[in-house]
């Protein structure tokens, strides 16, 4: 076990709620169509003056309040996001600026919806190596800024939010029992924002061709997501010497209810152990796992000593799985 303790969590969701009925006034869709295919009822959309670093800062502040800490007490900040404020600097540095922090290292991990679990893996390594004793790990997204609101296949899926956790080395009574992560860049083009970087710089033509919005080959993504997430959870459970029945709370990346259920079935984890925020927030990418962890803790579902299984899948294609004793 990698000893660590989640000493607090936090979350921030924008005030604006967009329901399925609201979307039916924009694109050819309906509440029934969206619910049946995704399990999503509504999502939160950031205001014009909110960007990813602002959402991330609010979530980290919330986690610090719950821990009765000042953000300056952190030794490092890691932000998992696929919707950065800018190409550079990192969103973590913009977060620092928002909170008036300086001195501590702050950087991003870009692994799509797997971003929070990738960041948690990096943070646990910093703690194990005694490079840091207290790390703020954040998953934050403004997906509304990169979805095509004329494309009903994608615009109904995503929302904006941020979740955060503050972790310390712990005393050995809690920690990561097992974890794994991976990626397959040969499939990078089936879930991406094609233009805006050095591969396809922004031009008048890329804007006209709507190349700066999410491109997703839904059926291929679905197949790979289920395979990768279920495989990563099963491996994490096997490496920890546990069965699915031993899991107290299971939080998969919340992309779509069908992906979540297919993943759960393949892991042998009982249905009543799944904790979901999908219906209220939609797919919030790297924020989905930390927001769900925070809400599960606040609801008393996730208690100290519980076995928590996590998994995610995202653009890259990336995946990760972990089993923790919290």
Protein backbone atom coordinates (compact mmCIF):
# COMPACT_ATOMS: atom_id res chain seq x y z
CA UNK A 1 0.00 0.00 0.00
CA UNK A 2 1.12 3.54 -0.78
CA UNK A 3 0.25 5.31 2.47
CA UNK A 4 -1.72 8.49 1.95
CA UNK A 5 -4.74 10.17 3.44
CA UNK A 6 -7.41 12.22 1.73
CA UNK A 7 -7.75 14.80 4.48
CA UNK A 8 -10.44 16.82 2.72
CA UNK A 9 -12.32 17.28 -0.53
CA UNK A 10 -14.12 20.14 -2.20
CA UNK A 11 -16.14 20.95 -5.28
CA UNK A 12 -17.50 23.82 -7.28
CA UNK A 13 -20.30 23.76 -9.85
CA UNK A 14 -21.47 26.87 -11.72
CA UNK A 15 -24.86 28.32 -10.85
CA UNK A 16 -26.38 28.10 -14.33
CA UNK A 17 -28.40 24.92 -14.88
CA UNK A 18 -29.20 23.76 -18.42
CA UNK A 19 -31.82 21.04 -18.59
CA UNK A 20 -32.53 18.61 -21.39
CA UNK A 21 -35.66 20.60 -22.18
CA UNK A 22 -33.49 23.71 -22.56
CA UNK A 23 -31.32 21.87 -25.07
CA UNK A 24 -34.36 20.75 -27.04
CA UNK A 25 -34.87 24.41 -27.92
CA UNK A 26 -31.37 24.59 -29.42
CA UNK A 27 -30.95 21.25 -31.23
CA UNK A 28 -33.20 18.43 -32.42
CA UNK A 29 -33.43 16.39 -29.24
CA UNK A 30 -35.70 15.72 -26.26
CA UNK A 31 -35.50 15.01 -22.56
CA UNK A 32 -36.57 11.40 -23.15
CA UNK A 33 -33.98 10.86 -25.91
CA UNK A 34 -31.13 12.19 -23.78
CA UNK A 35 -32.11 10.37 -20.59
CA UNK A 36 -32.55 7.03 -22.34
CA UNK A 37 -29.16 7.17 -24.05
CA UNK A 38 -27.06 8.92 -21.43
CA UNK A 39 -28.79 9.05 -18.05
CA UNK A 40 -28.26 12.83 -17.96
CA UNK A 41 -31.06 15.16 -16.84
CA UNK A 42 -29.20 18.48 -16.57
CA UNK A 43 -25.74 20.00 -16.50
CA UNK A 44 -24.01 23.15 -15.17
CA UNK A 45 -22.57 25.77 -17.52
CA UNK A 46 -19.93 28.31 -16.51
CA UNK A 47 -20.76 32.00 -16.67
CA UNK A 48 -18.95 34.29 -19.10
CA UNK A 49 -16.49 35.40 -16.41
CA UNK A 50 -15.65 31.85 -15.28
CA UNK A 51 -12.88 29.80 -16.87
CA UNK A 52 -11.30 26.49 -15.89
CA UNK A 53 -8.82 28.01 -13.42
CA UNK A 54 -11.62 29.90 -11.65
CA UNK A 55 -13.64 26.71 -11.19
CA UNK A 56 -10.49 24.92 -10.02
CA UNK A 57 -9.65 27.68 -7.54
CA UNK A 58 -13.13 27.62 -6.02
CA UNK A 59 -12.98 23.81 -5.61
CA UNK A 60 -9.52 23.95 -4.02
CA UNK A 61 -10.64 26.73 -1.67
CA UNK A 62 -13.59 24.54 -0.67
CA UNK A 63 -11.26 21.62 0.08
CA UNK A 64 -9.00 23.90 2.12
CA UNK A 65 -11.99 25.15 4.15
CA UNK A 66 -13.00 21.60 4.98
CA UNK A 67 -9.43 20.87 6.12
CA UNK A 68 -9.17 24.20 7.99
CA UNK A 69 -6.09 25.01 5.93
CA UNK A 70 -4.89 28.02 4.00
CA UNK A 71 -4.02 27.28 0.33
CA UNK A 72 -0.53 28.55 1.17
CA UNK A 73 -0.15 25.45 3.40
CA UNK A 74 0.02 23.23 0.30
CA UNK A 75 3.37 22.00 -1.00
CA UNK A 76 2.21 21.47 -4.58
CA UNK A 77 -0.85 21.85 -6.80
CA UNK A 78 -1.66 19.49 -9.66
CA UNK A 79 -4.57 20.20 -12.01
CA UNK A 80 -6.03 17.57 -14.31
CA UNK A 81 -7.82 19.24 -17.22
CA UNK A 82 -8.35 18.99 -20.96
CA UNK A 83 -9.83 22.50 -21.23
CA UNK A 84 -6.94 24.71 -20.12
CA UNK A 85 -7.25 28.46 -19.78
CA UNK A 86 -4.64 28.90 -22.52
CA UNK A 87 -2.01 26.92 -24.41
CA UNK A 88 0.42 28.25 -21.81
CA UNK A 89 0.99 28.84 -18.97
CA UNK A 90 -0.61 25.95 -17.13
CA UNK A 91 -4.08 26.24 -15.68
CA UNK A 92 -2.50 25.43 -12.31
CA UNK A 93 -0.46 28.63 -12.58
CA UNK A 94 -3.58 30.64 -13.43
CA UNK A 95 -5.18 29.01 -10.36
CA UNK A 96 -2.21 30.17 -8.28
CA UNK A 97 -2.69 33.69 -9.59
CA UNK A 98 -6.40 33.58 -8.69
CA UNK A 99 -5.57 32.55 -5.11
CA UNK A 100 -2.59 34.89 -4.75
CA UNK A 101 -0.13 32.02 -4.25
CA UNK A 102 3.52 31.82 -5.22
CA UNK A 103 6.53 29.68 -4.50
CA UNK A 104 5.05 26.18 -4.57
CA UNK A 105 5.18 24.08 -7.76
CA UNK A 106 1.96 24.03 -9.79
CA UNK A 107 1.43 22.16 -13.04
CA UNK A 108 -1.18 20.48 -15.23
CA UNK A 109 -1.76 16.88 -16.20
CA UNK A 110 -3.56 16.54 -19.52
CA UNK A 111 -5.11 13.08 -19.75
CA UNK A 112 -8.70 13.96 -20.59
CA UNK A 113 -11.30 12.42 -18.33
CA UNK A 114 -8.55 10.36 -16.66
CA UNK A 115 -6.85 13.58 -15.58
CA UNK A 116 -7.73 13.46 -11.89
CA UNK A 117 -6.57 9.85 -11.48
CA UNK A 118 -3.37 10.63 -13.38
CA UNK A 119 -2.81 13.62 -11.08
CA UNK A 120 -3.50 11.47 -8.03
CA UNK A 121 -0.89 8.96 -9.24
CA UNK A 122 1.67 11.75 -9.60
CA UNK A 123 0.77 13.22 -6.21
CA UNK A 124 1.11 9.86 -4.45
CA UNK A 125 4.59 9.57 -5.94
CA UNK A 126 5.53 13.00 -4.58
CA UNK A 127 4.35 11.97 -1.13
CA UNK A 128 6.10 8.59 -1.26
CA UNK A 129 9.34 10.27 -2.30
CA UNK A 130 8.92 12.89 0.44
CA UNK A 131 9.11 15.62 -2.19
CA UNK A 132 5.92 17.01 -0.71
CA UNK A 133 3.90 16.38 2.44
CA UNK A 134 0.58 17.95 1.39
CA UNK A 135 -0.68 18.18 -2.18
CA UNK A 136 -3.78 19.75 -3.69
CA UNK A 137 -5.11 17.59 -6.54
CA UNK A 138 -7.79 19.13 -8.76
CA UNK A 139 -9.89 17.99 -11.69
CA UNK A 140 -11.52 20.91 -13.50
CA UNK A 141 -13.22 21.44 -16.85
CA UNK A 142 -15.09 24.06 -18.89
CA UNK A 143 -16.33 21.65 -21.52
CA UNK A 144 -19.04 24.09 -22.60
CA UNK A 145 -16.33 26.19 -24.28
CA UNK A 146 -15.25 23.38 -26.61
CA UNK A 147 -18.52 21.64 -27.53
CA UNK A 148 -20.35 22.37 -30.75
CA UNK A 149 -23.80 23.56 -29.67
CA UNK A 150 -25.18 22.62 -33.08
CA UNK A 151 -24.14 18.97 -32.72
CA UNK A 152 -26.70 17.03 -30.69
CA UNK A 153 -24.40 13.99 -30.47
CA UNK A 154 -21.94 15.85 -28.23
CA UNK A 155 -23.52 19.01 -26.83
CA UNK A 156 -26.00 17.04 -24.71
CA UNK A 157 -23.23 15.17 -22.93
CA UNK A 158 -20.96 17.69 -21.27
CA UNK A 159 -20.98 20.15 -18.39
CA UNK A 160 -18.63 22.35 -16.36
CA UNK A 161 -17.37 21.74 -12.81
CA UNK A 162 -14.32 21.22 -10.61
CA UNK A 163 -13.46 18.89 -7.76
CA UNK A 164 -10.45 18.84 -5.46
CA UNK A 165 -8.77 16.69 -2.84
CA UNK A 166 -6.01 17.50 -0.38
CA UNK A 167 -3.82 14.51 0.34
CA UNK A 168 -1.06 13.86 2.85
CA UNK A 169 1.33 10.96 3.36
CA UNK A 170 -0.84 9.45 6.10
CA UNK A 171 0.04 7.09 8.94
CA UNK A 172 -0.31 3.79 7.08
CA UNK A 173 -3.93 3.14 8.01
CA UNK A 174 -5.12 4.42 4.62
CA UNK A 175 -3.76 4.71 1.12
CA UNK A 176 -3.61 3.34 -2.40
CA UNK A 177 -3.88 -0.45 -2.24
CA UNK A 178 -3.20 -0.74 -5.96
CA UNK A 179 -3.32 1.40 -9.08
CA UNK A 180 -2.59 1.29 -12.78
CA UNK A 181 -2.70 3.66 -15.71
CA UNK A 182 -2.09 3.56 -19.43
CA UNK A 183 -2.73 5.10 -22.83
CA UNK A 184 -3.04 4.24 -26.50
CA UNK A 185 -2.05 7.16 -28.69
CA UNK A 186 -2.84 5.22 -31.87
CA UNK A 187 -6.49 6.11 -31.13
CA UNK A 188 -5.86 9.80 -30.40
CA UNK A 189 -7.98 10.98 -33.31
CA UNK A 190 -11.28 9.36 -32.26
CA UNK A 191 -11.78 11.81 -29.37
CA UNK A 192 -10.11 15.17 -29.77
CA UNK A 193 -10.34 18.88 -30.51
CA UNK A 194 -8.58 18.85 -33.89
CA UNK A 195 -7.41 22.46 -34.24
CA UNK A 196 -5.89 25.17 -32.09
CA UNK A 197 -2.50 23.64 -31.30
CA UNK A 198 0.73 23.29 -33.27
CA UNK A 199 -0.58 20.28 -35.18
CA UNK A 200 -3.35 22.35 -36.78
CA UNK A 201 -2.91 26.03 -35.89
CA UNK A 202 -5.94 28.27 -35.76
CA UNK A 203 -6.86 29.91 -39.04
CA UNK A 204 -9.97 31.49 -40.47
CA UNK A 205 -10.62 28.18 -42.23
CA UNK A 206 -10.30 26.01 -39.10
CA UNK A 207 -12.82 28.25 -37.36
CA UNK A 208 -15.20 28.13 -40.32
CA UNK A 209 -14.92 24.35 -40.43
CA UNK A 210 -15.69 24.10 -36.68
CA UNK A 211 -12.39 22.33 -36.00
CA UNK A 212 -12.06 23.86 -32.53
CA UNK A 213 -14.86 21.80 -31.05
CA UNK A 214 -14.99 18.27 -29.65
CA UNK A 215 -14.80 15.57 -32.31
CA UNK A 216 -15.91 12.16 -31.06
CA UNK A 217 -16.52 8.85 -32.79
CA UNK A 218 -19.09 7.78 -30.25
CA UNK A 219 -19.44 4.06 -30.93
CA UNK A 220 -15.67 3.48 -31.01
CA UNK A 221 -15.17 5.51 -27.85
CA UNK A 222 -17.90 3.52 -26.09
CA UNK A 223 -16.28 0.17 -26.89
CA UNK A 224 -12.79 1.24 -25.83
CA UNK A 225 -14.08 3.00 -22.70
CA UNK A 226 -15.87 -0.08 -21.38
CA UNK A 227 -12.94 -2.38 -22.13
CA UNK A 228 -10.31 -0.06 -20.66
CA UNK A 229 -12.18 0.93 -17.49
CA UNK A 230 -13.34 -2.58 -16.63
CA UNK A 231 -9.87 -3.99 -17.29
CA UNK A 232 -8.21 -1.34 -15.11
CA UNK A 233 -10.60 -1.93 -12.21
CA UNK A 234 -10.26 -5.70 -12.39
CA UNK A 235 -6.47 -5.39 -12.42
CA UNK A 236 -6.52 -3.00 -9.47
CA UNK A 237 -8.78 -5.37 -7.51
CA UNK A 238 -6.65 -8.40 -8.38
CA UNK A 239 -3.44 -6.60 -7.41
CA UNK A 240 -5.04 -5.61 -4.10
CA UNK A 241 -6.25 -9.17 -3.51
CA UNK A 242 -9.88 -8.08 -3.41
CA UNK A 243 -13.11 -9.11 -5.09
CA UNK A 244 -15.76 -6.78 -6.44
CA UNK A 245 -17.89 -7.61 -3.41
CA UNK A 246 -15.23 -6.08 -1.14
CA UNK A 247 -15.72 -2.62 -2.65
CA UNK A 248 -17.74 -0.26 -0.47
CA UNK A 249 -18.00 2.59 -2.98
CA UNK A 250 -17.34 2.50 -6.72
CA UNK A 251 -16.87 5.77 -8.60
CA UNK A 252 -16.27 5.34 -12.31
CA UNK A 253 -15.82 8.24 -14.69
CA UNK A 254 -19.33 9.51 -15.31
CA UNK A 255 -19.55 9.82 -19.06
CA UNK A 256 -22.78 8.00 -19.78
CA UNK A 257 -24.94 5.60 -17.77
CA UNK A 258 -24.49 2.80 -20.31
CA UNK A 259 -20.70 2.94 -20.09
CA UNK A 260 -20.85 3.04 -16.30
CA UNK A 261 -23.20 0.07 -16.04
CA UNK A 262 -21.33 -2.04 -18.60
CA UNK A 263 -18.10 -1.36 -16.72
CA UNK A 264 -19.66 -2.27 -13.37
CA UNK A 265 -21.08 -5.54 -14.68
CA UNK A 266 -17.66 -6.64 -15.90
CA UNK A 267 -16.02 -5.92 -12.54
CA UNK A 268 -18.42 -7.86 -10.31
CA UNK A 269 -19.03 -4.82 -8.11
CA UNK A 270 -22.62 -4.78 -6.78
CA UNK A 271 -24.89 -2.15 -8.35
CA UNK A 272 -25.71 -0.56 -5.00
CA UNK A 273 -22.03 0.36 -4.47
CA UNK A 274 -21.93 2.80 -7.43
CA UNK A 275 -22.03 6.49 -6.55
CA UNK A 276 -23.11 8.74 -9.40
CA UNK A 277 -23.53 12.46 -10.02
CA UNK A 278 -24.10 11.99 -13.75
CA UNK A 279 -27.81 12.82 -13.79
CA UNK A 280 -27.24 16.31 -12.34
CA UNK A 281 -23.93 17.30 -13.94
CA UNK A 282 -23.47 15.29 -17.14
CA UNK A 283 -19.98 14.37 -18.30
CA UNK A 284 -17.69 16.80 -16.50
CA UNK A 285 -14.57 15.02 -17.72
CA UNK A 286 -11.64 15.20 -15.26
CA UNK A 287 -13.94 16.73 -12.63
CA UNK A 288 -16.35 13.78 -12.51
CA UNK A 289 -14.36 11.55 -10.15
CA UNK A 290 -13.36 14.23 -7.59
CA UNK A 291 -16.82 15.83 -7.56
CA UNK A 292 -18.38 12.41 -6.94
CA UNK A 293 -15.85 11.64 -4.20
CA UNK A 294 -16.64 14.93 -2.49
CA UNK A 295 -20.40 14.47 -2.67
CA UNK A 296 -20.12 10.86 -1.46
CA UNK A 297 -18.11 12.05 1.55
CA UNK A 298 -20.56 14.85 2.28
CA UNK A 299 -23.50 12.45 2.05
CA UNK A 300 -21.87 10.03 4.50
CA UNK A 301 -21.68 7.31 1.85
CA UNK A 302 -17.87 7.30 1.78
CA UNK A 303 -16.54 6.92 5.33
CA UNK A 304 -13.06 6.53 6.79
CA UNK A 305 -11.83 2.98 6.39
CA UNK A 306 -14.00 2.26 3.34
CA UNK A 307 -12.67 0.51 0.23
CA UNK A 308 -13.02 2.91 -2.68
CA UNK A 309 -12.61 1.79 -6.31
CA UNK A 310 -12.01 4.42 -8.99
CA UNK A 311 -11.62 4.26 -12.75
CA UNK A 312 -11.61 6.66 -15.66
CA UNK A 313 -11.14 6.79 -19.40
CA UNK A 314 -10.48 9.72 -21.66
CA UNK A 315 -8.99 11.31 -24.72
CA UNK A 316 -5.56 10.05 -25.61
CA UNK A 317 -6.86 7.42 -25.30
CA UNK A 318 -6.04 7.19 -21.59
CA UNK A 319 -7.30 5.10 -18.70
CA UNK A 320 -6.61 4.56 -15.03
CA UNK A 321 -7.86 2.48 -12.13
CA UNK A 322 -7.21 2.55 -8.40
CA UNK A 323 -8.36 0.91 -5.20
CA UNK A 324 -7.95 2.89 -1.99
CA UNK A 325 -8.65 2.48 1.68
CA UNK A 326 -9.81 5.97 2.62
